[in-house]
Amino acid sequence: MNGKIVKYFSRRGFGFISPEDSSDEIFFHVSSYPTEVEPEIGKNVEFEMIETPKGKEAKNVRILAEALEDEDAEEESPEEEEAPVEDAPEEEEAPEAESAEDEGPGVGDIPGVGKATEEKLMGAGFDTVASIASVDADDVAEKAGISAKVAAKIVAAAKELL
């Protein structure tokens, strides 16, 4: 199956791939990615999808050959200095994650939020306690794919942490 990396949280070691034939986002862990390269948002990849108790997961992620050829061409090109523009989305994410930790408790510090729920919240764009506390529980439930009851408890707990 082919897709494109749409989200990657380097500090957490996971991300999401959007398959070519679907609007879903499939979870992947960095351990399923080739060790010689760092995952990058926008990279075209090939992967195997498996069902886990937590949902769909990409395994045996491989960079597509044309993506590797493009990368090799860039390295040989004298215009190599323009390459960081491609990396800009990932570079922007890292400072947000650092500042979120510097500002106070992280999403995983909210009482009742385990690893699976934290991954769902982070994947839905709720990367800080403040981002959860500032929205309606129904929005959290819908975007993160969790029950409304659980979302209500998480939003209330997030508000208490702030």
C-alpha atoms as a PDB file:
ATOM      1  CA  MET A   1       0.000   0.000   0.000  1.00  0.00           C
ATOM      2  CA  ASN A   2       1.299   3.509  -0.825  1.00  0.00           C
ATOM      3  CA  GLY A   3       0.783   6.780   1.006  1.00  0.00           C
ATOM      4  CA  LYS A   4       2.357  10.001   2.224  1.00  0.00           C
ATOM      5  CA  ILE A   5       3.562  10.966   5.691  1.00  0.00           C
ATOM      6  CA  VAL A   6       1.199  13.703   6.865  1.00  0.00           C
ATOM      7  CA  LYS A   7       2.257  14.041  10.516  1.00  0.00           C
ATOM      8  CA  TYR A   8       5.422  13.113  12.359  1.00  0.00           C
ATOM      9  CA  PHE A   9       6.268  13.799  15.987  1.00  0.00           C
ATOM     10  CA  SER A  10      10.031  13.239  16.159  1.00  0.00           C
ATOM     11  CA  ARG A  11      10.265  13.669  19.925  1.00  0.00           C
ATOM     12  CA  ARG A  12       7.579  11.024  20.435  1.00  0.00           C
ATOM     13  CA  GLY A  13       8.730   8.661  17.683  1.00  0.00           C
ATOM     14  CA  PHE A  14       5.472   8.245  15.799  1.00  0.00           C
ATOM     15  CA  GLY A  15       3.459   9.750  13.003  1.00  0.00           C
ATOM     16  CA  PHE A  16       0.631   9.219  10.564  1.00  0.00           C
ATOM     17  CA  ILE A  17       0.479   8.185   6.925  1.00  0.00           C
ATOM     18  CA  SER A  18      -2.388   9.092   4.604  1.00  0.00           C
ATOM     19  CA  PRO A  19      -2.944   6.190   2.178  1.00  0.00           C
ATOM     20  CA  GLU A  20      -3.422   7.068  -1.502  1.00  0.00           C
ATOM     21  CA  ASP A  21      -6.809   5.324  -1.642  1.00  0.00           C
ATOM     22  CA  SER A  22      -8.283   6.691   1.600  1.00  0.00           C
ATOM     23  CA  SER A  23      -8.729   9.826   3.657  1.00  0.00           C
ATOM     24  CA  ASP A  24      -7.863   7.893   6.847  1.00  0.00           C
ATOM     25  CA  GLU A  25      -4.612   8.469   8.667  1.00  0.00           C
ATOM     26  CA  ILE A  26      -2.697   5.321   9.585  1.00  0.00           C
ATOM     27  CA  PHE A  27      -0.469   5.319  12.682  1.00  0.00           C
ATOM     28  CA  PHE A  28       3.199   4.350  12.308  1.00  0.00           C
ATOM     29  CA  HIS A  29       5.979   4.014  14.847  1.00  0.00           C
ATOM     30  CA  VAL A  30       9.524   5.035  13.990  1.00  0.00           C
ATOM     31  CA  SER A  31      10.652   1.434  14.613  1.00  0.00           C
ATOM     32  CA  SER A  32       8.742   0.476  11.436  1.00  0.00           C
ATOM     33  CA  TYR A  33      10.678   3.067   9.411  1.00  0.00           C
ATOM     34  CA  PRO A  34      14.107   2.554   7.753  1.00  0.00           C
ATOM     35  CA  THR A  35      16.828   3.305  10.299  1.00  0.00           C
ATOM     36  CA  GLU A  36      19.092   5.128   7.844  1.00  0.00           C
ATOM     37  CA  VAL A  37      16.695   8.066   7.383  1.00  0.00           C
ATOM     38  CA  GLU A  38      14.424  10.205   9.541  1.00  0.00           C
ATOM     39  CA  PRO A  39      10.707  10.286   8.618  1.00  0.00           C
ATOM     40  CA  GLU A  40       9.720  13.561   6.952  1.00  0.00           C
ATOM     41  CA  ILE A  41       6.312  15.092   6.351  1.00  0.00           C
ATOM     42  CA  GLY A  42       5.431  14.845   2.663  1.00  0.00           C
ATOM     43  CA  LYS A  43       7.551  11.753   1.924  1.00  0.00           C
ATOM     44  CA  ASN A  44       5.902   9.138  -0.282  1.00  0.00           C
ATOM     45  CA  VAL A  45       6.134   5.716   1.324  1.00  0.00           C
ATOM     46  CA  GLU A  46       5.071   2.137   0.834  1.00  0.00           C
ATOM     47  CA  PHE A  47       3.840   0.140   3.823  1.00  0.00           C
ATOM     48  CA  GLU A  48       1.907  -2.864   5.034  1.00  0.00           C
ATOM     49  CA  MET A  49      -1.228  -2.148   7.032  1.00  0.00           C
ATOM     50  CA  ILE A  50      -2.131  -4.360   9.978  1.00  0.00           C
ATOM     51  CA  GLU A  51      -5.036  -4.330  12.411  1.00  0.00           C
ATOM     52  CA  THR A  52      -4.067  -4.000  16.063  1.00  0.00           C
ATOM     53  CA  PRO A  53      -6.252  -3.749  19.177  1.00  0.00           C
ATOM     54  CA  LYS A  54      -5.713   0.026  18.960  1.00  0.00           C
ATOM     55  CA  GLY A  55      -6.637   0.257  15.262  1.00  0.00           C
ATOM     56  CA  LYS A  56      -4.812   0.278  11.939  1.00  0.00           C
ATOM     57  CA  GLU A  57      -1.028   0.513  11.972  1.00  0.00           C
ATOM     58  CA  ALA A  58       1.581   0.795   9.226  1.00  0.00           C
ATOM     59  CA  LYS A  59       4.400  -1.736   9.397  1.00  0.00           C
ATOM     60  CA  ASN A  60       7.504  -2.246   7.241  1.00  0.00           C
ATOM     61  CA  VAL A  61       7.427   1.348   6.028  1.00  0.00           C
ATOM     62  CA  ARG A  62       9.710   1.945   3.044  1.00  0.00           C
ATOM     63  CA  ILE A  63      10.495   5.137   1.182  1.00  0.00           C
ATOM     64  CA  LEU A  64       9.313   4.858  -2.418  1.00  0.00           C
ATOM     65  CA  ALA A  65      12.084   4.554  -4.996  1.00  0.00           C
ATOM     66  CA  GLU A  66      11.209   7.829  -6.765  1.00  0.00           C
ATOM     67  CA  ALA A  67      11.441   9.671  -3.441  1.00  0.00           C
ATOM     68  CA  LEU A  68      14.939   8.244  -2.920  1.00  0.00           C
ATOM     69  CA  GLU A  69      15.951   9.182  -6.481  1.00  0.00           C
ATOM     70  CA  ASP A  70      14.717  12.744  -5.908  1.00  0.00           C
ATOM     71  CA  GLU A  71      16.723  12.902  -2.692  1.00  0.00           C
ATOM     72  CA  ASP A  72      19.883  11.660  -4.445  1.00  0.00           C
ATOM     73  CA  ALA A  73      19.413  14.237  -7.210  1.00  0.00           C
ATOM     74  CA  GLU A  74      19.082  17.005  -4.619  1.00  0.00           C
ATOM     75  CA  GLU A  75      22.296  15.915  -2.905  1.00  0.00           C
ATOM     76  CA  GLU A  76      24.207  16.086  -6.207  1.00  0.00           C
ATOM     77  CA  SER A  77      22.600  19.381  -7.194  1.00  0.00           C
ATOM     78  CA  PRO A  78      24.410  22.684  -6.454  1.00  0.00           C
ATOM     79  CA  GLU A  79      21.057  24.023  -5.243  1.00  0.00           C
ATOM     80  CA  GLU A  80      21.364  21.920  -2.086  1.00  0.00           C
ATOM     81  CA  GLU A  81      20.886  24.995   0.095  1.00  0.00           C
ATOM     82  CA  GLU A  82      17.237  25.164  -0.950  1.00  0.00           C
ATOM     83  CA  ALA A  83      16.545  21.677   0.477  1.00  0.00           C
ATOM     84  CA  PRO A  84      15.768  22.922   4.040  1.00  0.00           C
ATOM     85  CA  VAL A  85      12.574  24.525   2.694  1.00  0.00           C
ATOM     86  CA  GLU A  86      11.226  20.975   2.342  1.00  0.00           C
ATOM     87  CA  ASP A  87      12.091  20.281   5.979  1.00  0.00           C
ATOM     88  CA  ALA A  88      10.330  23.407   7.257  1.00  0.00           C
ATOM     89  CA  PRO A  89       7.103  21.715   8.500  1.00  0.00           C
ATOM     90  CA  GLU A  90       9.044  19.300  10.712  1.00  0.00           C
ATOM     91  CA  GLU A  91      11.272  22.090  12.034  1.00  0.00           C
ATOM     92  CA  GLU A  92       8.203  24.095  12.972  1.00  0.00           C
ATOM     93  CA  GLU A  93       6.712  21.183  14.929  1.00  0.00           C
ATOM     94  CA  ALA A  94       9.732  20.571  17.147  1.00  0.00           C
ATOM     95  CA  PRO A  95       9.747  24.027  18.813  1.00  0.00           C
ATOM     96  CA  GLU A  96       6.018  23.727  19.533  1.00  0.00           C
ATOM     97  CA  ALA A  97       6.571  20.417  21.293  1.00  0.00           C
ATOM     98  CA  GLU A  98       9.464  21.885  23.279  1.00  0.00           C
ATOM     99  CA  SER A  99       7.524  24.989  24.254  1.00  0.00           C
ATOM    100  CA  ALA A 100       4.534  22.878  25.268  1.00  0.00           C
ATOM    101  CA  GLU A 101       6.748  20.974  27.696  1.00  0.00           C
ATOM    102  CA  ASP A 102       8.356  24.188  28.949  1.00  0.00           C
ATOM    103  CA  GLU A 103       4.965  25.794  29.572  1.00  0.00           C
ATOM    104  CA  GLY A 104       3.710  23.064  31.879  1.00  0.00           C
ATOM    105  CA  PRO A 105       2.113  19.643  31.838  1.00  0.00           C
ATOM    106  CA  GLY A 106       1.845  17.694  28.604  1.00  0.00           C
ATOM    107  CA  VAL A 107      -1.190  15.908  27.162  1.00  0.00           C
ATOM    108  CA  GLY A 108       0.016  12.643  28.732  1.00  0.00           C
ATOM    109  CA  ASP A 109      -0.048  14.315  32.158  1.00  0.00           C
ATOM    110  CA  ILE A 110      -3.820  14.751  32.083  1.00  0.00           C
ATOM    111  CA  PRO A 111      -5.352  12.291  34.582  1.00  0.00           C
ATOM    112  CA  GLY A 112      -7.002   9.384  32.781  1.00  0.00           C
ATOM    113  CA  VAL A 113      -5.074   9.842  29.521  1.00  0.00           C
ATOM    114  CA  GLY A 114      -3.115   6.726  28.642  1.00  0.00           C
ATOM    115  CA  LYS A 115      -0.701   6.224  25.758  1.00  0.00           C
ATOM    116  CA  ALA A 116      -3.373   5.235  23.226  1.00  0.00           C
ATOM    117  CA  THR A 117      -5.600   8.205  24.054  1.00  0.00           C
ATOM    118  CA  GLU A 118      -2.591  10.526  24.083  1.00  0.00           C
ATOM    119  CA  GLU A 119      -1.672   9.331  20.580  1.00  0.00           C
ATOM    120  CA  LYS A 120      -5.238   9.919  19.370  1.00  0.00           C
ATOM    121  CA  LEU A 121      -5.301  13.410  20.882  1.00  0.00           C
ATOM    122  CA  MET A 122      -1.880  14.325  19.482  1.00  0.00           C
ATOM    123  CA  GLY A 123      -2.818  12.902  16.083  1.00  0.00           C
ATOM    124  CA  ALA A 124      -5.943  15.062  16.077  1.00  0.00           C
ATOM    125  CA  GLY A 125      -3.859  18.183  16.707  1.00  0.00           C
ATOM    126  CA  PHE A 126      -4.397  18.503  20.460  1.00  0.00           C
ATOM    127  CA  ASP A 127      -0.730  18.791  21.378  1.00  0.00           C
ATOM    128  CA  THR A 128      -1.044  20.892  24.534  1.00  0.00           C
ATOM    129  CA  VAL A 129      -3.229  20.829  27.629  1.00  0.00           C
ATOM    130  CA  ALA A 130      -4.412  24.336  26.733  1.00  0.00           C
ATOM    131  CA  SER A 131      -5.551  23.194  23.271  1.00  0.00           C
ATOM    132  CA  ILE A 132      -7.766  20.570  24.921  1.00  0.00           C
ATOM    133  CA  ALA A 133      -9.053  22.830  27.694  1.00  0.00           C
ATOM    134  CA  SER A 134     -10.050  25.525  25.193  1.00  0.00           C
ATOM    135  CA  VAL A 135     -12.483  23.419  23.140  1.00  0.00           C
ATOM    136  CA  ASP A 136     -15.783  21.663  23.634  1.00  0.00           C
ATOM    137  CA  ALA A 137     -15.697  17.986  24.667  1.00  0.00           C
ATOM    138  CA  ASP A 138     -17.764  17.054  21.591  1.00  0.00           C
ATOM    139  CA  ASP A 139     -15.063  18.552  19.328  1.00  0.00           C
ATOM    140  CA  VAL A 140     -12.387  16.540  21.132  1.00  0.00           C
ATOM    141  CA  ALA A 141     -14.477  13.353  20.841  1.00  0.00           C
ATOM    142  CA  GLU A 142     -15.119  13.838  17.138  1.00  0.00           C
ATOM    143  CA  LYS A 143     -11.593  14.849  16.113  1.00  0.00           C
ATOM    144  CA  ALA A 144      -9.734  12.317  18.269  1.00  0.00           C
ATOM    145  CA  GLY A 145     -12.153   9.442  17.742  1.00  0.00           C
ATOM    146  CA  ILE A 146     -12.910   8.894  21.428  1.00  0.00           C
ATOM    147  CA  SER A 147     -16.209   8.643  23.261  1.00  0.00           C
ATOM    148  CA  ALA A 148     -17.998  11.834  24.307  1.00  0.00           C
ATOM    149  CA  LYS A 149     -17.979  10.688  27.937  1.00  0.00           C
ATOM    150  CA  VAL A 150     -14.202  10.161  27.954  1.00  0.00           C
ATOM    151  CA  ALA A 151     -13.668  13.446  26.099  1.00  0.00           C
ATOM    152  CA  ALA A 152     -15.740  15.322  28.688  1.00  0.00           C
ATOM    153  CA  LYS A 153     -13.586  13.905  31.501  1.00  0.00           C
ATOM    154  CA  ILE A 154     -10.393  14.775  29.649  1.00  0.00           C
ATOM    155  CA  VAL A 155     -11.508  18.363  28.937  1.00  0.00           C
ATOM    156  CA  ALA A 156     -12.516  18.835  32.588  1.00  0.00           C
ATOM    157  CA  ALA A 157      -9.195  17.410  33.806  1.00  0.00           C
ATOM    158  CA  ALA A 158      -7.282  19.617  31.342  1.00  0.00           C
ATOM    159  CA  LYS A 159      -9.081  22.705  32.657  1.00  0.00           C
ATOM    160  CA  GLU A 160      -8.147  21.734  36.219  1.00  0.00           C
ATOM    161  CA  LEU A 161      -4.469  21.432  35.236  1.00  0.00           C
ATOM    162  CA  LEU A 162      -4.399  24.977  33.895  1.00  0.00           C
END
